[in-house]
């Protein structure tokens, strides 16, 4: 099964089922938290979602390897020649899950030659699913209704979505520069990959991420943003790339309009 259109529905169903497995644990209340070698938290819900997604993707596309945050690490030498692979974050926003604020997602992306070409982002608590793919457009499914979504045209006030925890000083400088050029800026905060999805659905213009993330954090929502007409670029305005030797992303920008429309902010990113 190689056709992106044929894959989008089954992959969305896998993400929804993984979300149900997460909610079963979330709704129990207290959750035991362990820590990985990098001191990031991991819970029973992360593992349950990983196991479900990995098994279902292998059944759906046995010829396509799966690289998940919870795979235990796959060496670059073992994956550098993969022409395409599934890149998965079974529970993006584990800290939000632990805080019980609902802002966590299931992320599944198909990456081809370093580019995310299909993505599904499912929000278990709200039962909202964002999806999209190259040549397919982007969609938001809510209450059983799937509607197309599109990045908005830029107009004042500019809506910036930002992390609650990271890069506050540089984001503030960026905000001042945008206000000087384009007028008032409204800022909102959100957890996990939902920030990228806000840009994809036209609810925000820009999301600057000026702190560390990994490839599995962004790939699925990156595919949705691309399909919705936006771009995800590093601070040199080059497209964000995947399947690198180091899975850490550089700092990046999610833009609802062309990168050239935002070149004026480059001095604030130095």
Foldseek 3Di string as FASTA:
>chain_A
DPDQVVVFVLLQVLFQVLLVLLVVQLVVPDWDWDADPVRDIDTPSQVSLVVSNQVSVCVVCVPAAEDEPPPVDDALVRCVPRQKHKYWRSKFPVVCSNVVPQQIWTKIFIDGPFATFWIWIARSVQRWIWIFGVPGAIWIDHPNDIDGAAADDDAPPAEEEEEPPDDPVLVVVLLVLCCVPHNHYHYHYGGFQVRLVCRLRHNHFKYWFQDKDFQNRHSRSQNSLVRRAWAKAALVRHGWTDSDSGRITHTIMTGRHHPVVVPSSSVSVD
